[in-house]
Amino acid sequence: HRDTETDDIPEESDVLRRVFMTSGTTTVATASLGLGGAPASAAQVSLPAQRRVGEAEVNAVEKAVRQIRLLDDRHGADGLYRRAAQPLRA
């Protein structure tokens, strides 16, 4: 638990990062699954078979998150959000 005002800033930053990550994930999932754009009968969605996530995948995600956080700390999330959303607008 954090008691001082200055300790609240990293917590707020973490919350904003989570919002950024989940909103982007939702947007990508919606776009890639074709949700919301066409009637359900118009799109057949084929999902891959489920499997357990391995250590390599976990390490790759953790590395990507560290890179995103470093970029966020240096440049802020606005630019990252614009760049991440750009392919969705094309």
N, C-alpha and C. Protein backbone atom coordinates (compact mmCIF):
# COMPACT_ATOMS: atom_id res chain seq x y z
N HIS A 1 0.84 -1.18 0.00
CA HIS A 1 0.00 0.00 0.00
C HIS A 1 0.88 1.24 0.00
N ARG A 2 0.50 2.23 -0.77
CA ARG A 2 1.30 3.45 -0.89
C ARG A 2 0.65 4.55 -0.07
N ASP A 3 1.48 5.28 0.69
CA ASP A 3 0.94 6.28 1.59
C ASP A 3 1.20 7.71 1.16
N THR A 4 2.23 7.98 0.40
CA THR A 4 2.56 9.36 0.06
C THR A 4 1.99 9.74 -1.29
N GLU A 5 1.84 11.05 -1.50
CA GLU A 5 1.29 11.53 -2.76
C GLU A 5 2.18 11.18 -3.94
N THR A 6 3.48 11.27 -3.78
CA THR A 6 4.38 10.98 -4.90
C THR A 6 4.34 9.51 -5.29
N ASP A 7 3.99 8.64 -4.36
CA ASP A 7 3.88 7.22 -4.69
C ASP A 7 2.62 6.93 -5.51
N ASP A 8 1.63 7.82 -5.50
CA ASP A 8 0.41 7.62 -6.26
C ASP A 8 0.63 7.79 -7.76
N ILE A 9 1.64 8.55 -8.16
CA ILE A 9 1.87 8.80 -9.57
C ILE A 9 2.19 7.51 -10.33
N PRO A 10 3.12 6.67 -9.87
CA PRO A 10 3.35 5.42 -10.59
C PRO A 10 2.11 4.54 -10.64
N GLU A 11 1.32 4.54 -9.57
CA GLU A 11 0.10 3.74 -9.57
C GLU A 11 -0.86 4.25 -10.63
N GLU A 12 -1.00 5.57 -10.73
CA GLU A 12 -1.87 6.15 -11.75
C GLU A 12 -1.35 5.81 -13.14
N SER A 13 -0.03 5.89 -13.30
CA SER A 13 0.58 5.55 -14.58
C SER A 13 0.29 4.09 -14.94
N ASP A 14 0.37 3.20 -13.97
CA ASP A 14 0.05 1.79 -14.22
C ASP A 14 -1.40 1.62 -14.65
N VAL A 15 -2.29 2.35 -14.00
CA VAL A 15 -3.71 2.27 -14.35
C VAL A 15 -3.92 2.76 -15.78
N LEU A 16 -3.29 3.88 -16.13
CA LEU A 16 -3.43 4.40 -17.49
C LEU A 16 -2.84 3.42 -18.51
N ARG A 17 -1.75 2.78 -18.17
CA ARG A 17 -1.17 1.78 -19.08
C ARG A 17 -2.15 0.63 -19.29
N ARG A 18 -2.78 0.18 -18.20
CA ARG A 18 -3.74 -0.91 -18.32
C ARG A 18 -4.90 -0.51 -19.22
N VAL A 19 -5.39 0.72 -19.05
CA VAL A 19 -6.48 1.20 -19.89
C VAL A 19 -6.04 1.21 -21.34
N PHE A 20 -4.84 1.73 -21.60
CA PHE A 20 -4.31 1.77 -22.96
C PHE A 20 -4.21 0.37 -23.54
N MET A 21 -3.64 -0.55 -22.78
CA MET A 21 -3.43 -1.90 -23.29
C MET A 21 -4.77 -2.61 -23.53
N THR A 22 -5.71 -2.47 -22.61
CA THR A 22 -6.98 -3.17 -22.79
C THR A 22 -7.82 -2.54 -23.88
N SER A 23 -7.79 -1.21 -24.01
CA SER A 23 -8.57 -0.58 -25.08
C SER A 23 -8.00 -0.95 -26.43
N GLY A 24 -6.70 -1.00 -26.55
CA GLY A 24 -6.07 -1.40 -27.81
C GLY A 24 -6.36 -2.85 -28.12
N THR A 25 -6.30 -3.70 -27.11
CA THR A 25 -6.57 -5.12 -27.30
C THR A 25 -8.01 -5.33 -27.74
N THR A 26 -8.92 -4.61 -27.13
CA THR A 26 -10.33 -4.72 -27.50
C THR A 26 -10.54 -4.28 -28.93
N THR A 27 -9.92 -3.18 -29.32
CA THR A 27 -10.05 -2.67 -30.68
C THR A 27 -9.51 -3.67 -31.68
N VAL A 28 -8.33 -4.19 -31.42
CA VAL A 28 -7.71 -5.16 -32.33
C VAL A 28 -8.56 -6.42 -32.42
N ALA A 29 -9.03 -6.91 -31.28
CA ALA A 29 -9.85 -8.12 -31.28
C ALA A 29 -11.14 -7.90 -32.05
N THR A 30 -11.77 -6.75 -31.84
CA THR A 30 -13.01 -6.44 -32.53
C THR A 30 -12.78 -6.37 -34.03
N ALA A 31 -11.72 -5.68 -34.44
CA ALA A 31 -11.43 -5.53 -35.86
C ALA A 31 -11.05 -6.86 -36.50
N SER A 32 -10.22 -7.64 -35.82
CA SER A 32 -9.74 -8.88 -36.42
C SER A 32 -10.81 -9.96 -36.46
N LEU A 33 -11.77 -9.90 -35.54
CA LEU A 33 -12.85 -10.88 -35.54
C LEU A 33 -14.03 -10.43 -36.38
N GLY A 34 -13.97 -9.20 -36.89
CA GLY A 34 -15.05 -8.70 -37.73
C GLY A 34 -16.30 -8.40 -36.94
N LEU A 35 -16.17 -8.06 -35.68
CA LEU A 35 -17.34 -7.78 -34.84
C LEU A 35 -17.83 -6.36 -35.06
N GLY A 36 -19.12 -6.19 -35.10
CA GLY A 36 -19.70 -4.86 -35.16
C GLY A 36 -19.84 -4.30 -36.56
N GLY A 37 -19.19 -4.83 -37.56
CA GLY A 37 -19.24 -4.25 -38.89
C GLY A 37 -20.26 -4.90 -39.79
N ALA A 38 -20.40 -6.19 -39.74
CA ALA A 38 -21.28 -6.91 -40.65
C ALA A 38 -22.18 -7.84 -39.84
N PRO A 39 -23.28 -8.27 -40.44
CA PRO A 39 -24.14 -9.22 -39.74
C PRO A 39 -23.39 -10.50 -39.42
N ALA A 40 -23.81 -11.18 -38.39
CA ALA A 40 -23.12 -12.39 -37.94
C ALA A 40 -23.07 -13.45 -39.03
N SER A 41 -24.10 -13.52 -39.87
CA SER A 41 -24.12 -14.53 -40.92
C SER A 41 -23.13 -14.23 -42.04
N ALA A 42 -22.65 -12.99 -42.15
CA ALA A 42 -21.76 -12.60 -43.24
C ALA A 42 -20.32 -13.04 -43.00
N ALA A 43 -19.93 -13.25 -41.77
CA ALA A 43 -18.52 -13.56 -41.48
C ALA A 43 -18.42 -14.87 -40.71
N GLN A 44 -17.65 -15.78 -41.23
CA GLN A 44 -17.35 -17.02 -40.53
C GLN A 44 -15.99 -16.85 -39.87
N VAL A 45 -15.93 -16.99 -38.56
CA VAL A 45 -14.70 -16.79 -37.82
C VAL A 45 -14.11 -18.16 -37.48
N SER A 46 -12.86 -18.36 -37.85
CA SER A 46 -12.17 -19.61 -37.55
C SER A 46 -11.14 -19.34 -36.46
N LEU A 47 -11.33 -19.92 -35.31
CA LEU A 47 -10.41 -19.73 -34.20
C LEU A 47 -9.44 -20.90 -34.12
N PRO A 48 -8.18 -20.61 -33.80
CA PRO A 48 -7.21 -21.71 -33.67
C PRO A 48 -7.54 -22.58 -32.45
N ALA A 49 -7.08 -23.82 -32.50
CA ALA A 49 -7.27 -24.73 -31.37
C ALA A 49 -6.57 -24.17 -30.14
N GLN A 50 -7.17 -24.37 -28.99
CA GLN A 50 -6.57 -23.86 -27.76
C GLN A 50 -5.35 -24.69 -27.38
N ARG A 51 -4.35 -24.01 -26.84
CA ARG A 51 -3.16 -24.70 -26.35
C ARG A 51 -2.61 -23.89 -25.19
N ARG A 52 -1.76 -24.51 -24.43
CA ARG A 52 -1.15 -23.82 -23.28
C ARG A 52 -0.07 -22.88 -23.77
N VAL A 53 0.02 -21.75 -23.11
CA VAL A 53 1.04 -20.77 -23.43
C VAL A 53 2.35 -21.23 -22.80
N GLY A 54 3.42 -21.19 -23.58
CA GLY A 54 4.72 -21.63 -23.09
C GLY A 54 5.55 -20.48 -22.55
N GLU A 55 6.70 -20.83 -22.00
CA GLU A 55 7.60 -19.85 -21.42
C GLU A 55 8.09 -18.85 -22.47
N ALA A 56 8.32 -19.30 -23.69
CA ALA A 56 8.79 -18.40 -24.75
C ALA A 56 7.77 -17.31 -25.04
N GLU A 57 6.49 -17.68 -25.10
CA GLU A 57 5.44 -16.69 -25.35
C GLU A 57 5.32 -15.70 -24.20
N VAL A 58 5.39 -16.21 -22.98
CA VAL A 58 5.32 -15.34 -21.80
C VAL A 58 6.48 -14.36 -21.80
N ASN A 59 7.68 -14.85 -22.08
CA ASN A 59 8.85 -13.96 -22.12
C ASN A 59 8.71 -12.91 -23.21
N ALA A 60 8.17 -13.28 -24.36
CA ALA A 60 7.99 -12.32 -25.46
C ALA A 60 7.00 -11.23 -25.07
N VAL A 61 5.91 -11.61 -24.42
CA VAL A 61 4.93 -10.61 -23.98
C VAL A 61 5.54 -9.70 -22.92
N GLU A 62 6.25 -10.26 -21.96
CA GLU A 62 6.88 -9.44 -20.92
C GLU A 62 7.89 -8.46 -21.53
N LYS A 63 8.65 -8.91 -22.50
CA LYS A 63 9.62 -8.03 -23.17
C LYS A 63 8.90 -6.90 -23.90
N ALA A 64 7.82 -7.23 -24.61
CA ALA A 64 7.06 -6.21 -25.33
C ALA A 64 6.46 -5.19 -24.36
N VAL A 65 5.94 -5.65 -23.24
CA VAL A 65 5.36 -4.74 -22.24
C VAL A 65 6.44 -3.82 -21.67
N ARG A 66 7.63 -4.36 -21.39
CA ARG A 66 8.73 -3.52 -20.90
C ARG A 66 9.08 -2.44 -21.92
N GLN A 67 9.13 -2.81 -23.20
CA GLN A 67 9.45 -1.83 -24.24
C GLN A 67 8.37 -0.76 -24.34
N ILE A 68 7.12 -1.17 -24.27
CA ILE A 68 6.01 -0.21 -24.31
C ILE A 68 6.09 0.74 -23.13
N ARG A 69 6.36 0.22 -21.95
CA ARG A 69 6.46 1.08 -20.76
C ARG A 69 7.62 2.06 -20.87
N LEU A 70 8.76 1.61 -21.40
CA LEU A 70 9.89 2.52 -21.59
C LEU A 70 9.53 3.63 -22.56
N LEU A 71 8.89 3.27 -23.67
CA LEU A 71 8.47 4.29 -24.64
C LEU A 71 7.44 5.23 -24.04
N ASP A 72 6.52 4.67 -23.25
CA ASP A 72 5.51 5.49 -22.60
C ASP A 72 6.15 6.48 -21.64
N ASP A 73 7.13 6.01 -20.86
CA ASP A 73 7.83 6.90 -19.92
C ASP A 73 8.57 8.01 -20.65
N ARG A 74 9.16 7.69 -21.79
CA ARG A 74 9.93 8.68 -22.54
C ARG A 74 9.05 9.65 -23.33
N HIS A 75 8.00 9.13 -23.95
CA HIS A 75 7.26 9.93 -24.93
C HIS A 75 5.79 10.13 -24.60
N GLY A 76 5.27 9.44 -23.63
CA GLY A 76 3.84 9.53 -23.33
C GLY A 76 3.06 8.54 -24.18
N ALA A 77 1.84 8.29 -23.80
CA ALA A 77 1.03 7.26 -24.46
C ALA A 77 0.29 7.77 -25.69
N ASP A 78 0.11 9.07 -25.84
CA ASP A 78 -0.66 9.58 -26.97
C ASP A 78 -0.07 9.15 -28.31
N GLY A 79 1.22 9.31 -28.47
CA GLY A 79 1.87 8.92 -29.71
C GLY A 79 1.81 7.42 -29.94
N LEU A 80 1.98 6.66 -28.87
CA LEU A 80 1.90 5.20 -28.98
C LEU A 80 0.51 4.76 -29.40
N TYR A 81 -0.50 5.39 -28.81
CA TYR A 81 -1.87 5.02 -29.14
C TYR A 81 -2.17 5.33 -30.61
N ARG A 82 -1.73 6.50 -31.08
CA ARG A 82 -1.94 6.85 -32.49
C ARG A 82 -1.26 5.85 -33.41
N ARG A 83 -0.01 5.49 -33.08
CA ARG A 83 0.72 4.55 -33.93
C ARG A 83 0.08 3.16 -33.89
N ALA A 84 -0.38 2.74 -32.73
CA ALA A 84 -1.00 1.42 -32.61
C ALA A 84 -2.33 1.36 -33.34
N ALA A 85 -3.07 2.46 -33.35
CA ALA A 85 -4.39 2.48 -33.98
C ALA A 85 -4.32 2.75 -35.48
N GLN A 86 -3.20 3.24 -35.98
CA GLN A 86 -3.07 3.60 -37.39
C GLN A 86 -3.42 2.45 -38.34
N PRO A 87 -2.93 1.24 -38.14
CA PRO A 87 -3.31 0.15 -39.06
C PRO A 87 -4.80 -0.14 -39.06
N LEU A 88 -5.47 0.16 -37.97
CA LEU A 88 -6.91 -0.10 -37.90
C LEU A 88 -7.70 0.89 -38.74
N ARG A 89 -7.13 2.05 -39.00
CA ARG A 89 -7.81 3.07 -39.80
C ARG A 89 -7.61 2.86 -41.29
N ALA A 90 -6.62 2.07 -41.66
CA ALA A 90 -6.30 1.88 -43.09
C ALA A 90 -7.32 1.02 -43.80
